[in-house]
Amino acid sequence: MLKWAIIFFVIAIVAAIVGFGGIAGAATNIAYVLFVIFLILAVIAFLRRAT
C-alpha cells in the first residue's frame, strides 16, 4: 500500500513538472488516500500485535 502511495506521489511530481496540473492533482489525491489507508492499517496491525 505504501509502495503505491509513493508511486502515485512520484507521478504527481513528474506531472506537475511537465505541466499537467489536472493529472498531478488527481495523482496527489490518490497518493493521499492510499497513505491514509496505509496508516490506518498499520495502526490496527500494531494494536493487534500489542494485545
PDB file of N, CA and C in Angstrom:
ATOM      1  N   MET A   1       0.835  -1.190   0.000  1.00  0.00           N
ATOM      2  CA  MET A   1       0.000   0.000   0.000  1.00  0.00           C
ATOM      3  C   MET A   1       0.880   1.254   0.000  1.00  0.00           C
ATOM      4  N   LEU A   2       1.896   1.255   0.848  1.00  0.00           N
ATOM      5  CA  LEU A   2       2.796   2.406   0.909  1.00  0.00           C
ATOM      6  C   LEU A   2       3.554   2.559  -0.405  1.00  0.00           C
ATOM      7  N   LYS A   3       3.889   1.430  -1.023  1.00  0.00           N
ATOM      8  CA  LYS A   3       4.594   1.455  -2.300  1.00  0.00           C
ATOM      9  C   LYS A   3       3.761   2.179  -3.359  1.00  0.00           C
ATOM     10  N   TRP A   4       2.466   1.884  -3.408  1.00  0.00           N
ATOM     11  CA  TRP A   4       1.590   2.522  -4.391  1.00  0.00           C
ATOM     12  C   TRP A   4       1.431   4.002  -4.099  1.00  0.00           C
ATOM     13  N   ALA A   5       1.376   4.374  -2.826  1.00  0.00           N
ATOM     14  CA  ALA A   5       1.271   5.793  -2.472  1.00  0.00           C
ATOM     15  C   ALA A   5       2.503   6.551  -2.948  1.00  0.00           C
ATOM     16  N   ILE A   6       3.675   5.962  -2.774  1.00  0.00           N
ATOM     17  CA  ILE A   6       4.912   6.601  -3.229  1.00  0.00           C
ATOM     18  C   ILE A   6       4.940   6.706  -4.746  1.00  0.00           C
ATOM     19  N   ILE A   7       4.491   5.656  -5.431  1.00  0.00           N
ATOM     20  CA  ILE A   7       4.456   5.686  -6.901  1.00  0.00           C
ATOM     21  C   ILE A   7       3.551   6.803  -7.398  1.00  0.00           C
ATOM     22  N   PHE A   8       2.360   6.935  -6.818  1.00  0.00           N
ATOM     23  CA  PHE A   8       1.456   7.989  -7.253  1.00  0.00           C
ATOM     24  C   PHE A   8       1.989   9.372  -6.894  1.00  0.00           C
ATOM     25  N   PHE A   9       2.714   9.483  -5.801  1.00  0.00           N
ATOM     26  CA  PHE A   9       3.321  10.758  -5.438  1.00  0.00           C
ATOM     27  C   PHE A   9       4.382  11.160  -6.457  1.00  0.00           C
ATOM     28  N   VAL A  10       5.189  10.197  -6.886  1.00  0.00           N
ATOM     29  CA  VAL A  10       6.211  10.467  -7.898  1.00  0.00           C
ATOM     30  C   VAL A  10       5.549  10.854  -9.225  1.00  0.00           C
ATOM     31  N   ILE A  11       4.465  10.156  -9.579  1.00  0.00           N
ATOM     32  CA  ILE A  11       3.729  10.510 -10.790  1.00  0.00           C
ATOM     33  C   ILE A  11       3.208  11.943 -10.695  1.00  0.00           C
ATOM     34  N   ALA A  12       2.712  12.322  -9.529  1.00  0.00           N
ATOM     35  CA  ALA A  12       2.204  13.685  -9.337  1.00  0.00           C
ATOM     36  C   ALA A  12       3.314  14.717  -9.498  1.00  0.00           C
ATOM     37  N   ILE A  13       4.482  14.436  -8.962  1.00  0.00           N
ATOM     38  CA  ILE A  13       5.601  15.376  -9.078  1.00  0.00           C
ATOM     39  C   ILE A  13       6.024  15.521 -10.535  1.00  0.00           C
ATOM     40  N   VAL A  14       6.151  14.405 -11.245  1.00  0.00           N
ATOM     41  CA  VAL A  14       6.557  14.452 -12.649  1.00  0.00           C
ATOM     42  C   VAL A  14       5.505  15.183 -13.484  1.00  0.00           C
ATOM     43  N   ALA A  15       4.244  14.903 -13.232  1.00  0.00           N
ATOM     44  CA  ALA A  15       3.176  15.568 -13.981  1.00  0.00           C
ATOM     45  C   ALA A  15       3.164  17.070 -13.705  1.00  0.00           C
ATOM     46  N   ALA A  16       3.432  17.455 -12.472  1.00  0.00           N
ATOM     47  CA  ALA A  16       3.466  18.883 -12.141  1.00  0.00           C
ATOM     48  C   ALA A  16       4.639  19.581 -12.818  1.00  0.00           C
ATOM     49  N   ILE A  17       5.775  18.916 -12.878  1.00  0.00           N
ATOM     50  CA  ILE A  17       6.947  19.498 -13.537  1.00  0.00           C
ATOM     51  C   ILE A  17       6.684  19.672 -15.028  1.00  0.00           C
ATOM     52  N   VAL A  18       6.041  18.686 -15.649  1.00  0.00           N
ATOM     53  CA  VAL A  18       5.775  18.729 -17.079  1.00  0.00           C
ATOM     54  C   VAL A  18       4.656  19.726 -17.394  1.00  0.00           C
ATOM     55  N   GLY A  19       3.765  19.970 -16.439  1.00  0.00           N
ATOM     56  CA  GLY A  19       2.733  20.967 -16.642  1.00  0.00           C
ATOM     57  C   GLY A  19       1.321  20.419 -16.707  1.00  0.00           C
ATOM     58  N   PHE A  20       1.145  19.168 -16.355  1.00  0.00           N
ATOM     59  CA  PHE A  20      -0.187  18.569 -16.353  1.00  0.00           C
ATOM     60  C   PHE A  20      -0.787  18.708 -14.958  1.00  0.00           C
ATOM     61  N   GLY A  21      -1.411  19.840 -14.716  1.00  0.00           N
ATOM     62  CA  GLY A  21      -1.933  20.139 -13.383  1.00  0.00           C
ATOM     63  C   GLY A  21      -3.060  19.228 -12.951  1.00  0.00           C
ATOM     64  N   GLY A  22      -3.958  18.881 -13.880  1.00  0.00           N
ATOM     65  CA  GLY A  22      -5.084  18.011 -13.533  1.00  0.00           C
ATOM     66  C   GLY A  22      -4.640  16.620 -13.142  1.00  0.00           C
ATOM     67  N   ILE A  23      -3.713  16.068 -13.909  1.00  0.00           N
ATOM     68  CA  ILE A  23      -3.190  14.734 -13.608  1.00  0.00           C
ATOM     69  C   ILE A  23      -2.405  14.762 -12.303  1.00  0.00           C
ATOM     70  N   ALA A  24      -1.651  15.834 -12.085  1.00  0.00           N
ATOM     71  CA  ALA A  24      -0.877  15.957 -10.851  1.00  0.00           C
ATOM     72  C   ALA A  24      -1.798  16.022  -9.636  1.00  0.00           C
ATOM     73  N   GLY A  25      -2.885  16.766  -9.757  1.00  0.00           N
ATOM     74  CA  GLY A  25      -3.834  16.853  -8.642  1.00  0.00           C
ATOM     75  C   GLY A  25      -4.506  15.531  -8.361  1.00  0.00           C
ATOM     76  N   ALA A  26      -4.898  14.828  -9.413  1.00  0.00           N
ATOM     77  CA  ALA A  26      -5.546  13.533  -9.224  1.00  0.00           C
ATOM     78  C   ALA A  26      -4.585  12.523  -8.609  1.00  0.00           C
ATOM     79  N   ALA A  27      -3.350  12.501  -9.088  1.00  0.00           N
ATOM     80  CA  ALA A  27      -2.362  11.570  -8.538  1.00  0.00           C
ATOM     81  C   ALA A  27      -2.049  11.898  -7.084  1.00  0.00           C
ATOM     82  N   THR A  28      -2.034  13.180  -6.756  1.00  0.00           N
ATOM     83  CA  THR A  28      -1.794  13.581  -5.369  1.00  0.00           C
ATOM     84  C   THR A  28      -2.928  13.105  -4.463  1.00  0.00           C
ATOM     85  N   ASN A  29      -4.158  13.252  -4.919  1.00  0.00           N
ATOM     86  CA  ASN A  29      -5.300  12.792  -4.125  1.00  0.00           C
ATOM     87  C   ASN A  29      -5.274  11.287  -3.932  1.00  0.00           C
ATOM     88  N   ILE A  30      -4.955  10.554  -4.979  1.00  0.00           N
ATOM     89  CA  ILE A  30      -4.871   9.094  -4.867  1.00  0.00           C
ATOM     90  C   ILE A  30      -3.764   8.704  -3.893  1.00  0.00           C
ATOM     91  N   ALA A  31      -2.607   9.359  -4.000  1.00  0.00           N
ATOM     92  CA  ALA A  31      -1.495   9.059  -3.096  1.00  0.00           C
ATOM     93  C   ALA A  31      -1.885   9.352  -1.649  1.00  0.00           C
ATOM     94  N   TYR A  32      -2.594  10.451  -1.424  1.00  0.00           N
ATOM     95  CA  TYR A  32      -3.023  10.811  -0.075  1.00  0.00           C
ATOM     96  C   TYR A  32      -3.970   9.765   0.502  1.00  0.00           C
ATOM     97  N   VAL A  33      -4.943   9.345  -0.288  1.00  0.00           N
ATOM     98  CA  VAL A  33      -5.905   8.336   0.168  1.00  0.00           C
ATOM     99  C   VAL A  33      -5.197   7.021   0.477  1.00  0.00           C
ATOM    100  N   LEU A  34      -4.297   6.594  -0.390  1.00  0.00           N
ATOM    101  CA  LEU A  34      -3.571   5.347  -0.148  1.00  0.00           C
ATOM    102  C   LEU A  34      -2.702   5.446   1.102  1.00  0.00           C
ATOM    103  N   PHE A  35      -2.089   6.605   1.331  1.00  0.00           N
ATOM    104  CA  PHE A  35      -1.260   6.778   2.513  1.00  0.00           C
ATOM    105  C   PHE A  35      -2.090   6.733   3.788  1.00  0.00           C
ATOM    106  N   VAL A  36      -3.263   7.345   3.759  1.00  0.00           N
ATOM    107  CA  VAL A  36      -4.142   7.317   4.930  1.00  0.00           C
ATOM    108  C   VAL A  36      -4.610   5.887   5.205  1.00  0.00           C
ATOM    109  N   ILE A  37      -4.959   5.154   4.166  1.00  0.00           N
ATOM    110  CA  ILE A  37      -5.355   3.750   4.344  1.00  0.00           C
ATOM    111  C   ILE A  37      -4.198   2.954   4.918  1.00  0.00           C
ATOM    112  N   PHE A  38      -2.988   3.198   4.428  1.00  0.00           N
ATOM    113  CA  PHE A  38      -1.809   2.519   4.967  1.00  0.00           C
ATOM    114  C   PHE A  38      -1.636   2.823   6.453  1.00  0.00           C
ATOM    115  N   LEU A  39      -1.781   4.093   6.834  1.00  0.00           N
ATOM    116  CA  LEU A  39      -1.620   4.449   8.247  1.00  0.00           C
ATOM    117  C   LEU A  39      -2.665   3.774   9.121  1.00  0.00           C
ATOM    118  N   ILE A  40      -3.903   3.735   8.663  1.00  0.00           N
ATOM    119  CA  ILE A  40      -4.968   3.100   9.434  1.00  0.00           C
ATOM    120  C   ILE A  40      -4.676   1.609   9.605  1.00  0.00           C
ATOM    121  N   LEU A  41      -4.291   0.946   8.526  1.00  0.00           N
ATOM    122  CA  LEU A  41      -3.989  -0.481   8.610  1.00  0.00           C
ATOM    123  C   LEU A  41      -2.760  -0.750   9.475  1.00  0.00           C
ATOM    124  N   ALA A  42      -1.768   0.141   9.432  1.00  0.00           N
ATOM    125  CA  ALA A  42      -0.573  -0.031  10.264  1.00  0.00           C
ATOM    126  C   ALA A  42      -0.915   0.107  11.740  1.00  0.00           C
ATOM    127  N   VAL A  43      -1.751   1.079  12.080  1.00  0.00           N
ATOM    128  CA  VAL A  43      -2.156   1.257  13.479  1.00  0.00           C
ATOM    129  C   VAL A  43      -2.941   0.041  13.960  1.00  0.00           C
ATOM    130  N   ILE A  44      -3.841  -0.449  13.142  1.00  0.00           N
ATOM    131  CA  ILE A  44      -4.618  -1.644  13.509  1.00  0.00           C
ATOM    132  C   ILE A  44      -3.689  -2.836  13.722  1.00  0.00           C
ATOM    133  N   ALA A  45      -2.714  -3.004  12.834  1.00  0.00           N
ATOM    134  CA  ALA A  45      -1.767  -4.113  12.962  1.00  0.00           C
ATOM    135  C   ALA A  45      -0.949  -3.998  14.249  1.00  0.00           C
ATOM    136  N   PHE A  46      -0.499  -2.775  14.566  1.00  0.00           N
ATOM    137  CA  PHE A  46       0.279  -2.590  15.790  1.00  0.00           C
ATOM    138  C   PHE A  46      -0.554  -2.844  17.035  1.00  0.00           C
ATOM    139  N   LEU A  47      -1.824  -2.413  17.011  1.00  0.00           N
ATOM    140  CA  LEU A  47      -2.697  -2.649  18.155  1.00  0.00           C
ATOM    141  C   LEU A  47      -3.013  -4.124  18.348  1.00  0.00           C
ATOM    142  N   ARG A  48      -3.202  -4.832  17.249  1.00  0.00           N
ATOM    143  CA  ARG A  48      -3.479  -6.259  17.343  1.00  0.00           C
ATOM    144  C   ARG A  48      -2.249  -7.016  17.841  1.00  0.00           C
ATOM    145  N   ARG A  49      -1.077  -6.533  17.448  1.00  0.00           N
ATOM    146  CA  ARG A  49       0.177  -7.178  17.859  1.00  0.00           C
ATOM    147  C   ARG A  49       0.445  -6.938  19.342  1.00  0.00           C
ATOM    148  N   ALA A  50       0.039  -5.780  19.843  1.00  0.00           N
ATOM    149  CA  ALA A  50       0.323  -5.415  21.236  1.00  0.00           C
ATOM    150  C   ALA A  50      -0.542  -6.193  22.218  1.00  0.00           C
ATOM    151  N   THR A  51      -1.688  -6.656  21.773  1.00  0.00           N
ATOM    152  CA  THR A  51      -2.561  -7.358  22.725  1.00  0.00           C
ATOM    153  C   THR A  51      -2.419  -8.836  22.654  1.00  0.00           C
TER     154      THR A  51
END
